[in-house]
Amino acid sequence: MDLSWCIPAPIDETDWTTYSTAETRWCWSGTNVMVTMTFMPQQWVIDRLYTLADTQVGHFTAAQAEGVGVDRRYLTHHLRSGNLERVDRGIYRIRNYPSHPFEDVMVATLWVGEGSVASHATALAIYDLADAMPAVIHITVDRRFRGNRQGVIVHHARLGEGDVTS
């Protein structure tokens, strides 16, 4: 039985930008099985997550993190180490990100998912066109959504480009 290990190519550990997922592939020549080991330096992960969360008042979803190359296992690691907070199922917040008065609205839009926007009285409050934030958060989405959450009302309507701002 051949127990030799091989690495297909040398890796420069100082230049992680050349590897979109910072993934290192290892192969074991003793069998015809290739094992993939993922190694992401802590700062690389935090930088990716911070860039993602910066446009969403410090929040992001697990799916969005995977979209930028951060594996869910690393989310668990950073939760345990205190770099992240779990706000809701699949929704995270960078612990040291400055607080924002509309964080609850962002969490609601992330909960509803892609294509959702703050609307109705909630949008008026965000744009400082109302005296106070409404007791419930209003979210509009242009697709079917059947979730139910206390304090959130989900509306369904077609949203044109002029209806959505950031």
N, C-alpha and C. Protein backbone atom coordinates (compact mmCIF):
# COMPACT_ATOMS: atom_id res chain seq x y z
N MET A 1 0.84 -1.18 0.00
CA MET A 1 0.00 0.00 0.00
C MET A 1 0.88 1.24 0.00
N ASP A 2 0.68 2.09 -0.97
CA ASP A 2 1.45 3.33 -1.11
C ASP A 2 0.75 4.43 -0.32
N LEU A 3 1.42 4.98 0.67
CA LEU A 3 0.83 6.01 1.51
C LEU A 3 1.42 7.39 1.22
N SER A 4 1.90 7.62 0.02
CA SER A 4 2.52 8.91 -0.28
C SER A 4 1.45 9.96 -0.58
N TRP A 5 1.73 11.18 -0.17
CA TRP A 5 0.83 12.31 -0.40
C TRP A 5 1.45 13.22 -1.45
N CYS A 6 0.64 13.87 -2.23
CA CYS A 6 1.19 14.78 -3.23
C CYS A 6 0.39 16.08 -3.26
N ILE A 7 1.08 17.13 -3.63
CA ILE A 7 0.46 18.44 -3.83
C ILE A 7 0.65 18.79 -5.30
N PRO A 8 -0.42 19.09 -6.04
CA PRO A 8 -0.28 19.34 -7.47
C PRO A 8 0.56 20.56 -7.84
N ALA A 9 0.51 21.63 -7.04
CA ALA A 9 1.27 22.83 -7.39
C ALA A 9 1.69 23.55 -6.13
N PRO A 10 2.85 24.20 -6.15
CA PRO A 10 3.26 24.98 -4.97
C PRO A 10 2.33 26.18 -4.80
N ILE A 11 2.14 26.58 -3.56
CA ILE A 11 1.23 27.68 -3.25
C ILE A 11 1.99 28.78 -2.54
N ASP A 12 1.83 30.00 -3.02
CA ASP A 12 2.41 31.15 -2.37
C ASP A 12 1.42 31.63 -1.31
N GLU A 13 1.71 31.39 -0.05
CA GLU A 13 0.77 31.69 1.03
C GLU A 13 0.56 33.19 1.23
N THR A 14 1.37 34.03 0.65
CA THR A 14 1.20 35.47 0.83
C THR A 14 0.24 36.07 -0.18
N ASP A 15 -0.07 35.38 -1.27
CA ASP A 15 -0.93 35.93 -2.31
C ASP A 15 -2.20 35.11 -2.44
N TRP A 16 -3.19 35.39 -1.59
CA TRP A 16 -4.43 34.63 -1.60
C TRP A 16 -5.41 35.15 -2.63
N THR A 17 -5.16 36.31 -3.19
CA THR A 17 -6.10 36.86 -4.16
C THR A 17 -6.12 36.06 -5.46
N THR A 18 -5.08 35.32 -5.73
CA THR A 18 -5.05 34.53 -6.95
C THR A 18 -5.92 33.29 -6.84
N TYR A 19 -6.35 32.93 -5.64
CA TYR A 19 -7.20 31.77 -5.42
C TYR A 19 -8.56 32.28 -4.96
N SER A 20 -9.56 32.18 -5.80
CA SER A 20 -10.86 32.78 -5.49
C SER A 20 -11.50 32.18 -4.24
N THR A 21 -11.21 30.94 -3.94
CA THR A 21 -11.77 30.34 -2.74
C THR A 21 -10.67 29.95 -1.76
N ALA A 22 -9.46 30.35 -2.02
CA ALA A 22 -8.31 29.99 -1.17
C ALA A 22 -8.29 28.49 -0.93
N GLU A 23 -8.54 27.73 -1.94
CA GLU A 23 -8.67 26.29 -1.79
C GLU A 23 -7.39 25.59 -2.24
N THR A 24 -6.94 24.65 -1.46
CA THR A 24 -5.78 23.85 -1.78
C THR A 24 -6.23 22.42 -2.02
N ARG A 25 -5.88 21.87 -3.15
CA ARG A 25 -6.28 20.49 -3.44
C ARG A 25 -5.11 19.55 -3.15
N TRP A 26 -5.39 18.52 -2.41
CA TRP A 26 -4.41 17.50 -2.07
C TRP A 26 -4.87 16.19 -2.68
N CYS A 27 -3.95 15.36 -3.09
CA CYS A 27 -4.36 14.04 -3.57
C CYS A 27 -3.55 12.98 -2.85
N TRP A 28 -4.15 11.87 -2.64
CA TRP A 28 -3.49 10.75 -1.99
C TRP A 28 -3.31 9.69 -3.05
N SER A 29 -2.07 9.35 -3.35
CA SER A 29 -1.81 8.44 -4.45
C SER A 29 -1.98 6.97 -4.06
N GLY A 30 -2.23 6.68 -2.80
CA GLY A 30 -2.41 5.31 -2.37
C GLY A 30 -3.69 4.68 -2.92
N THR A 31 -4.69 5.50 -3.19
CA THR A 31 -5.92 5.05 -3.82
C THR A 31 -6.24 6.04 -4.93
N ASN A 32 -7.29 5.83 -5.65
CA ASN A 32 -7.68 6.76 -6.70
C ASN A 32 -8.65 7.82 -6.19
N VAL A 33 -8.58 8.14 -4.93
CA VAL A 33 -9.48 9.12 -4.32
C VAL A 33 -8.74 10.43 -4.12
N MET A 34 -9.36 11.53 -4.53
CA MET A 34 -8.77 12.85 -4.28
C MET A 34 -9.53 13.49 -3.13
N VAL A 35 -8.81 13.97 -2.16
CA VAL A 35 -9.39 14.63 -1.00
C VAL A 35 -9.12 16.12 -1.13
N THR A 36 -10.15 16.93 -0.94
CA THR A 36 -9.98 18.37 -1.01
C THR A 36 -9.92 18.93 0.41
N MET A 37 -8.87 19.63 0.70
CA MET A 37 -8.71 20.29 1.99
C MET A 37 -8.84 21.78 1.73
N THR A 38 -9.64 22.46 2.50
CA THR A 38 -9.81 23.89 2.33
C THR A 38 -9.09 24.61 3.46
N PHE A 39 -8.28 25.58 3.09
CA PHE A 39 -7.59 26.39 4.09
C PHE A 39 -7.79 27.85 3.73
N MET A 40 -8.37 28.60 4.63
CA MET A 40 -8.58 30.02 4.41
C MET A 40 -7.98 30.77 5.58
N PRO A 41 -7.02 31.63 5.33
CA PRO A 41 -6.47 32.43 6.43
C PRO A 41 -7.57 33.27 7.06
N GLN A 42 -7.51 33.43 8.37
CA GLN A 42 -8.56 34.12 9.10
C GLN A 42 -8.81 35.52 8.56
N GLN A 43 -7.78 36.28 8.27
CA GLN A 43 -7.97 37.65 7.79
C GLN A 43 -8.63 37.66 6.42
N TRP A 44 -8.32 36.69 5.57
CA TRP A 44 -8.94 36.59 4.24
C TRP A 44 -10.44 36.42 4.39
N VAL A 45 -10.86 35.55 5.30
CA VAL A 45 -12.29 35.30 5.52
C VAL A 45 -12.97 36.56 6.05
N ILE A 46 -12.40 37.18 7.06
CA ILE A 46 -12.99 38.38 7.65
C ILE A 46 -13.07 39.50 6.62
N ASP A 47 -12.04 39.68 5.81
CA ASP A 47 -12.07 40.72 4.77
C ASP A 47 -13.19 40.46 3.78
N ARG A 48 -13.36 39.23 3.33
CA ARG A 48 -14.43 38.89 2.40
C ARG A 48 -15.80 39.17 3.02
N LEU A 49 -15.98 38.74 4.25
CA LEU A 49 -17.27 38.93 4.92
C LEU A 49 -17.54 40.40 5.18
N TYR A 50 -16.52 41.14 5.56
CA TYR A 50 -16.71 42.57 5.83
C TYR A 50 -17.11 43.31 4.56
N THR A 51 -16.45 43.00 3.45
CA THR A 51 -16.79 43.63 2.17
C THR A 51 -18.23 43.32 1.79
N LEU A 52 -18.64 42.09 2.00
CA LEU A 52 -20.02 41.68 1.71
C LEU A 52 -21.01 42.41 2.62
N ALA A 53 -20.72 42.42 3.91
CA ALA A 53 -21.64 42.98 4.90
C ALA A 53 -21.68 44.50 4.90
N ASP A 54 -20.66 45.13 4.37
CA ASP A 54 -20.57 46.58 4.42
C ASP A 54 -21.73 47.26 3.69
N THR A 55 -22.27 46.64 2.67
CA THR A 55 -23.39 47.23 1.94
C THR A 55 -24.74 46.86 2.56
N GLN A 56 -24.71 46.06 3.63
CA GLN A 56 -25.94 45.57 4.26
C GLN A 56 -25.90 45.80 5.77
N VAL A 57 -25.41 46.97 6.16
CA VAL A 57 -25.26 47.41 7.55
C VAL A 57 -24.71 46.31 8.47
N GLY A 58 -23.67 45.63 7.99
CA GLY A 58 -22.96 44.65 8.81
C GLY A 58 -23.52 43.25 8.78
N HIS A 59 -24.52 42.98 7.95
CA HIS A 59 -25.20 41.68 7.92
C HIS A 59 -24.99 40.97 6.59
N PHE A 60 -25.15 39.66 6.60
CA PHE A 60 -25.09 38.85 5.39
C PHE A 60 -25.73 37.51 5.67
N THR A 61 -26.04 36.79 4.60
CA THR A 61 -26.61 35.45 4.76
C THR A 61 -25.53 34.40 4.50
N ALA A 62 -25.79 33.20 4.95
CA ALA A 62 -24.85 32.10 4.71
C ALA A 62 -24.70 31.86 3.21
N ALA A 63 -25.78 31.97 2.46
CA ALA A 63 -25.72 31.78 1.01
C ALA A 63 -24.86 32.86 0.36
N GLN A 64 -24.96 34.11 0.83
CA GLN A 64 -24.12 35.17 0.28
C GLN A 64 -22.65 34.92 0.60
N ALA A 65 -22.36 34.43 1.81
CA ALA A 65 -20.98 34.11 2.17
C ALA A 65 -20.42 33.03 1.26
N GLU A 66 -21.21 32.01 1.00
CA GLU A 66 -20.76 30.96 0.08
C GLU A 66 -20.53 31.53 -1.31
N GLY A 67 -21.33 32.51 -1.69
CA GLY A 67 -21.18 33.15 -3.00
C GLY A 67 -19.87 33.87 -3.18
N VAL A 68 -19.25 34.31 -2.08
CA VAL A 68 -17.94 34.97 -2.18
C VAL A 68 -16.81 34.03 -1.77
N GLY A 69 -17.12 32.73 -1.65
CA GLY A 69 -16.08 31.75 -1.42
C GLY A 69 -15.82 31.36 0.02
N VAL A 70 -16.69 31.75 0.94
CA VAL A 70 -16.49 31.40 2.35
C VAL A 70 -17.40 30.23 2.70
N ASP A 71 -16.81 29.12 3.07
CA ASP A 71 -17.52 27.90 3.40
C ASP A 71 -18.27 28.05 4.72
N ARG A 72 -19.39 27.36 4.86
CA ARG A 72 -20.19 27.43 6.10
C ARG A 72 -19.42 26.99 7.33
N ARG A 73 -18.46 26.10 7.15
CA ARG A 73 -17.64 25.67 8.29
C ARG A 73 -16.87 26.84 8.88
N TYR A 74 -16.44 27.78 8.02
CA TYR A 74 -15.73 28.95 8.52
C TYR A 74 -16.65 29.91 9.23
N LEU A 75 -17.92 29.94 8.84
CA LEU A 75 -18.88 30.75 9.58
C LEU A 75 -19.01 30.21 11.00
N THR A 76 -19.11 28.89 11.12
CA THR A 76 -19.19 28.27 12.44
C THR A 76 -17.95 28.59 13.27
N HIS A 77 -16.79 28.50 12.65
CA HIS A 77 -15.55 28.81 13.35
C HIS A 77 -15.55 30.26 13.86
N HIS A 78 -15.95 31.20 13.00
CA HIS A 78 -15.94 32.60 13.40
C HIS A 78 -17.06 32.95 14.37
N LEU A 79 -18.13 32.17 14.36
CA LEU A 79 -19.15 32.33 15.41
C LEU A 79 -18.56 31.95 16.76
N ARG A 80 -17.89 30.82 16.81
CA ARG A 80 -17.30 30.34 18.06
C ARG A 80 -16.19 31.24 18.56
N SER A 81 -15.43 31.83 17.63
CA SER A 81 -14.32 32.69 18.04
C SER A 81 -14.77 34.11 18.38
N GLY A 82 -16.06 34.42 18.12
CA GLY A 82 -16.59 35.73 18.51
C GLY A 82 -16.51 36.80 17.45
N ASN A 83 -16.08 36.47 16.25
CA ASN A 83 -16.01 37.47 15.18
C ASN A 83 -17.38 37.74 14.56
N LEU A 84 -18.28 36.78 14.65
CA LEU A 84 -19.62 36.90 14.07
C LEU A 84 -20.68 36.65 15.13
N GLU A 85 -21.88 37.16 14.86
CA GLU A 85 -23.05 36.87 15.68
C GLU A 85 -24.10 36.26 14.76
N ARG A 86 -24.81 35.26 15.25
CA ARG A 86 -25.94 34.72 14.50
C ARG A 86 -27.17 35.52 14.89
N VAL A 87 -27.74 36.23 13.93
CA VAL A 87 -28.89 37.07 14.18
C VAL A 87 -30.17 36.25 14.06
N ASP A 88 -30.19 35.38 13.09
CA ASP A 88 -31.33 34.52 12.81
C ASP A 88 -30.82 33.33 12.03
N ARG A 89 -31.68 32.40 11.75
CA ARG A 89 -31.25 31.22 10.99
C ARG A 89 -30.72 31.65 9.62
N GLY A 90 -29.43 31.40 9.39
CA GLY A 90 -28.81 31.73 8.11
C GLY A 90 -28.44 33.19 7.93
N ILE A 91 -28.63 34.02 8.96
CA ILE A 91 -28.30 35.44 8.87
C ILE A 91 -27.28 35.77 9.96
N TYR A 92 -26.21 36.43 9.56
CA TYR A 92 -25.10 36.73 10.47
C TYR A 92 -24.80 38.22 10.46
N ARG A 93 -24.11 38.65 11.54
CA ARG A 93 -23.67 40.03 11.68
C ARG A 93 -22.21 40.02 12.11
N ILE A 94 -21.43 40.90 11.53
CA ILE A 94 -20.04 41.06 11.96
C ILE A 94 -20.07 41.78 13.30
N ARG A 95 -19.50 41.15 14.32
CA ARG A 95 -19.63 41.65 15.69
C ARG A 95 -19.14 43.08 15.86
N ASN A 96 -18.04 43.45 15.28
CA ASN A 96 -17.47 44.78 15.49
C ASN A 96 -17.97 45.83 14.50
N TYR A 97 -18.97 45.49 13.70
CA TYR A 97 -19.50 46.46 12.75
C TYR A 97 -20.33 47.49 13.52
N PRO A 98 -20.18 48.78 13.18
CA PRO A 98 -20.96 49.81 13.90
C PRO A 98 -22.47 49.56 13.79
N SER A 99 -23.18 49.83 14.87
CA SER A 99 -24.63 49.61 14.85
C SER A 99 -25.29 50.63 13.93
N HIS A 100 -26.50 50.29 13.50
CA HIS A 100 -27.24 51.13 12.56
C HIS A 100 -28.69 51.16 13.01
N PRO A 101 -29.39 52.29 12.88
CA PRO A 101 -30.76 52.37 13.37
C PRO A 101 -31.75 51.46 12.63
N PHE A 102 -31.41 51.02 11.43
CA PHE A 102 -32.34 50.19 10.65
C PHE A 102 -31.84 48.76 10.46
N GLU A 103 -31.08 48.26 11.41
CA GLU A 103 -30.58 46.88 11.32
C GLU A 103 -31.72 45.87 11.25
N ASP A 104 -32.78 46.12 11.99
CA ASP A 104 -33.90 45.17 11.98
C ASP A 104 -34.57 45.11 10.60
N VAL A 105 -34.57 46.21 9.89
CA VAL A 105 -35.12 46.23 8.53
C VAL A 105 -34.24 45.41 7.60
N MET A 106 -32.93 45.56 7.72
CA MET A 106 -32.01 44.79 6.89
C MET A 106 -32.16 43.30 7.17
N VAL A 107 -32.27 42.92 8.43
CA VAL A 107 -32.45 41.51 8.77
C VAL A 107 -33.74 40.98 8.14
N ALA A 108 -34.79 41.78 8.17
CA ALA A 108 -36.06 41.35 7.57
C ALA A 108 -35.93 41.16 6.06
N THR A 109 -35.23 42.08 5.38
CA THR A 109 -35.06 41.92 3.93
C THR A 109 -34.18 40.72 3.60
N LEU A 110 -33.17 40.47 4.42
CA LEU A 110 -32.34 39.27 4.20
C LEU A 110 -33.15 38.01 4.45
N TRP A 111 -34.03 38.04 5.43
CA TRP A 111 -34.89 36.89 5.73
C TRP A 111 -35.80 36.58 4.54
N VAL A 112 -36.41 37.62 3.95
CA VAL A 112 -37.28 37.42 2.79
C VAL A 112 -36.46 36.97 1.59
N GLY A 113 -35.27 37.53 1.42
CA GLY A 113 -34.38 37.07 0.38
C GLY A 113 -34.21 38.02 -0.78
N GLU A 114 -33.56 37.52 -1.81
CA GLU A 114 -33.21 38.30 -2.99
C GLU A 114 -34.44 39.00 -3.59
N GLY A 115 -34.26 40.25 -3.95
CA GLY A 115 -35.34 41.00 -4.58
C GLY A 115 -36.31 41.66 -3.63
N SER A 116 -36.07 41.56 -2.33
CA SER A 116 -36.98 42.18 -1.37
C SER A 116 -36.49 43.58 -1.02
N VAL A 117 -37.45 44.46 -0.72
CA VAL A 117 -37.13 45.84 -0.37
C VAL A 117 -38.01 46.30 0.78
N ALA A 118 -37.48 47.23 1.56
CA ALA A 118 -38.30 47.88 2.59
C ALA A 118 -39.32 48.75 1.86
N SER A 119 -40.56 48.77 2.34
CA SER A 119 -41.62 49.49 1.63
C SER A 119 -42.62 50.09 2.60
N HIS A 120 -43.60 50.75 2.03
CA HIS A 120 -44.72 51.35 2.75
C HIS A 120 -44.20 52.28 3.86
N ALA A 121 -44.77 52.20 5.05
CA ALA A 121 -44.40 53.10 6.14
C ALA A 121 -42.94 52.90 6.57
N THR A 122 -42.41 51.71 6.38
CA THR A 122 -41.00 51.45 6.73
C THR A 122 -40.08 52.27 5.83
N ALA A 123 -40.35 52.28 4.53
CA ALA A 123 -39.54 53.07 3.60
C ALA A 123 -39.64 54.55 3.91
N LEU A 124 -40.84 55.01 4.27
CA LEU A 124 -41.00 56.42 4.63
C LEU A 124 -40.13 56.79 5.82
N ALA A 125 -40.07 55.92 6.82
CA ALA A 125 -39.25 56.17 8.00
C ALA A 125 -37.76 56.16 7.65
N ILE A 126 -37.35 55.24 6.79
CA ILE A 126 -35.93 55.18 6.40
C ILE A 126 -35.51 56.46 5.70
N TYR A 127 -36.37 56.99 4.85
CA TYR A 127 -36.06 58.22 4.12
C TYR A 127 -36.44 59.47 4.89
N ASP A 128 -36.72 59.30 6.18
CA ASP A 128 -37.03 60.42 7.08
C ASP A 128 -38.25 61.22 6.61
N LEU A 129 -39.22 60.50 6.04
CA LEU A 129 -40.46 61.13 5.60
C LEU A 129 -41.62 60.82 6.54
N ALA A 130 -41.33 60.18 7.66
CA ALA A 130 -42.33 59.85 8.68
C ALA A 130 -41.76 60.25 10.03
N ASP A 131 -42.64 60.46 10.97
CA ASP A 131 -42.21 60.88 12.31
C ASP A 131 -41.56 59.76 13.11
N ALA A 132 -42.01 58.53 12.88
CA ALA A 132 -41.50 57.41 13.66
C ALA A 132 -41.50 56.13 12.82
N MET A 133 -40.72 55.19 13.27
CA MET A 133 -40.69 53.88 12.63
C MET A 133 -41.99 53.16 12.97
N PRO A 134 -42.63 52.51 12.00
CA PRO A 134 -43.89 51.81 12.29
C PRO A 134 -43.65 50.62 13.23
N ALA A 135 -44.72 50.16 13.85
CA ALA A 135 -44.62 49.04 14.79
C ALA A 135 -44.24 47.73 14.10
N VAL A 136 -44.55 47.62 12.81
CA VAL A 136 -44.17 46.44 12.03
C VAL A 136 -43.33 46.88 10.84
N ILE A 137 -42.47 45.99 10.38
CA ILE A 137 -41.63 46.25 9.22
C ILE A 137 -42.36 45.79 7.97
N HIS A 138 -42.45 46.66 6.98
CA HIS A 138 -43.09 46.31 5.72
C HIS A 138 -42.02 46.00 4.68
N ILE A 139 -42.12 44.83 4.06
CA ILE A 139 -41.19 44.39 3.03
C ILE A 139 -42.02 44.03 1.80
N THR A 140 -41.56 44.45 0.63
CA THR A 140 -42.22 44.06 -0.62
C THR A 140 -41.25 43.21 -1.42
N VAL A 141 -41.81 42.17 -2.03
CA VAL A 141 -41.01 41.27 -2.86
C VAL A 141 -41.81 40.97 -4.13
N ASP A 142 -41.10 40.79 -5.23
CA ASP A 142 -41.78 40.59 -6.51
C ASP A 142 -41.93 39.12 -6.90
N ARG A 143 -41.83 38.24 -5.94
CA ARG A 143 -42.00 36.81 -6.19
C ARG A 143 -42.82 36.22 -5.04
N ARG A 144 -43.17 34.96 -5.19
CA ARG A 144 -43.93 34.31 -4.12
C ARG A 144 -43.06 34.14 -2.89
N PHE A 145 -43.63 34.45 -1.76
CA PHE A 145 -42.96 34.24 -0.49
C PHE A 145 -44.03 33.92 0.53
N ARG A 146 -43.85 32.82 1.24
CA ARG A 146 -44.90 32.37 2.15
C ARG A 146 -44.45 32.32 3.61
N GLY A 147 -43.33 32.92 3.93
CA GLY A 147 -42.86 32.90 5.31
C GLY A 147 -43.72 33.78 6.21
N ASN A 148 -43.64 33.51 7.50
CA ASN A 148 -44.39 34.27 8.48
C ASN A 148 -43.46 34.61 9.64
N ARG A 149 -43.44 35.87 9.99
CA ARG A 149 -42.54 36.32 11.06
C ARG A 149 -43.23 37.43 11.84
N GLN A 150 -43.17 37.33 13.13
CA GLN A 150 -43.78 38.35 13.98
C GLN A 150 -43.08 39.69 13.75
N GLY A 151 -43.87 40.75 13.54
CA GLY A 151 -43.33 42.08 13.36
C GLY A 151 -42.96 42.42 11.93
N VAL A 152 -43.23 41.50 10.98
CA VAL A 152 -42.91 41.75 9.58
C VAL A 152 -44.13 41.44 8.74
N ILE A 153 -44.49 42.38 7.87
CA ILE A 153 -45.56 42.16 6.90
C ILE A 153 -44.92 42.12 5.52
N VAL A 154 -45.16 41.04 4.79
CA VAL A 154 -44.59 40.88 3.45
C VAL A 154 -45.68 41.15 2.42
N HIS A 155 -45.41 42.10 1.54
CA HIS A 155 -46.31 42.45 0.45
C HIS A 155 -45.76 41.87 -0.85
N HIS A 156 -46.64 41.59 -1.79
CA HIS A 156 -46.23 41.08 -3.09
C HIS A 156 -46.63 42.08 -4.17
N ALA A 157 -45.66 42.52 -4.96
CA ALA A 157 -45.94 43.46 -6.05
C ALA A 157 -44.77 43.42 -7.03
N ARG A 158 -45.07 43.74 -8.28
CA ARG A 158 -43.99 43.86 -9.27
C ARG A 158 -43.20 45.10 -8.96
N LEU A 159 -41.89 44.95 -8.97
CA LEU A 159 -41.00 46.07 -8.67
C LEU A 159 -40.21 46.43 -9.92
N GLY A 160 -40.40 47.63 -10.42
CA GLY A 160 -39.63 48.11 -11.56
C GLY A 160 -38.33 48.71 -11.08
N GLU A 161 -37.45 49.02 -12.01
CA GLU A 161 -36.16 49.60 -11.64
C GLU A 161 -36.30 50.90 -10.88
N GLY A 162 -37.31 51.69 -11.23
CA GLY A 162 -37.54 52.96 -10.54
C GLY A 162 -38.09 52.81 -9.14
N ASP A 163 -38.56 51.60 -8.81
CA ASP A 163 -39.14 51.35 -7.49
C ASP A 163 -38.11 50.97 -6.45
N VAL A 164 -36.90 50.65 -6.88
CA VAL A 164 -35.88 50.14 -5.96
C VAL A 164 -34.72 51.10 -5.90
N THR A 165 -34.34 51.50 -4.68
CA THR A 165 -33.16 52.33 -4.45
C THR A 165 -32.27 51.62 -3.43
N SER A 166 -31.08 52.09 -3.31
CA SER A 166 -30.20 51.45 -2.32
C SER A 166 -29.71 52.45 -1.31
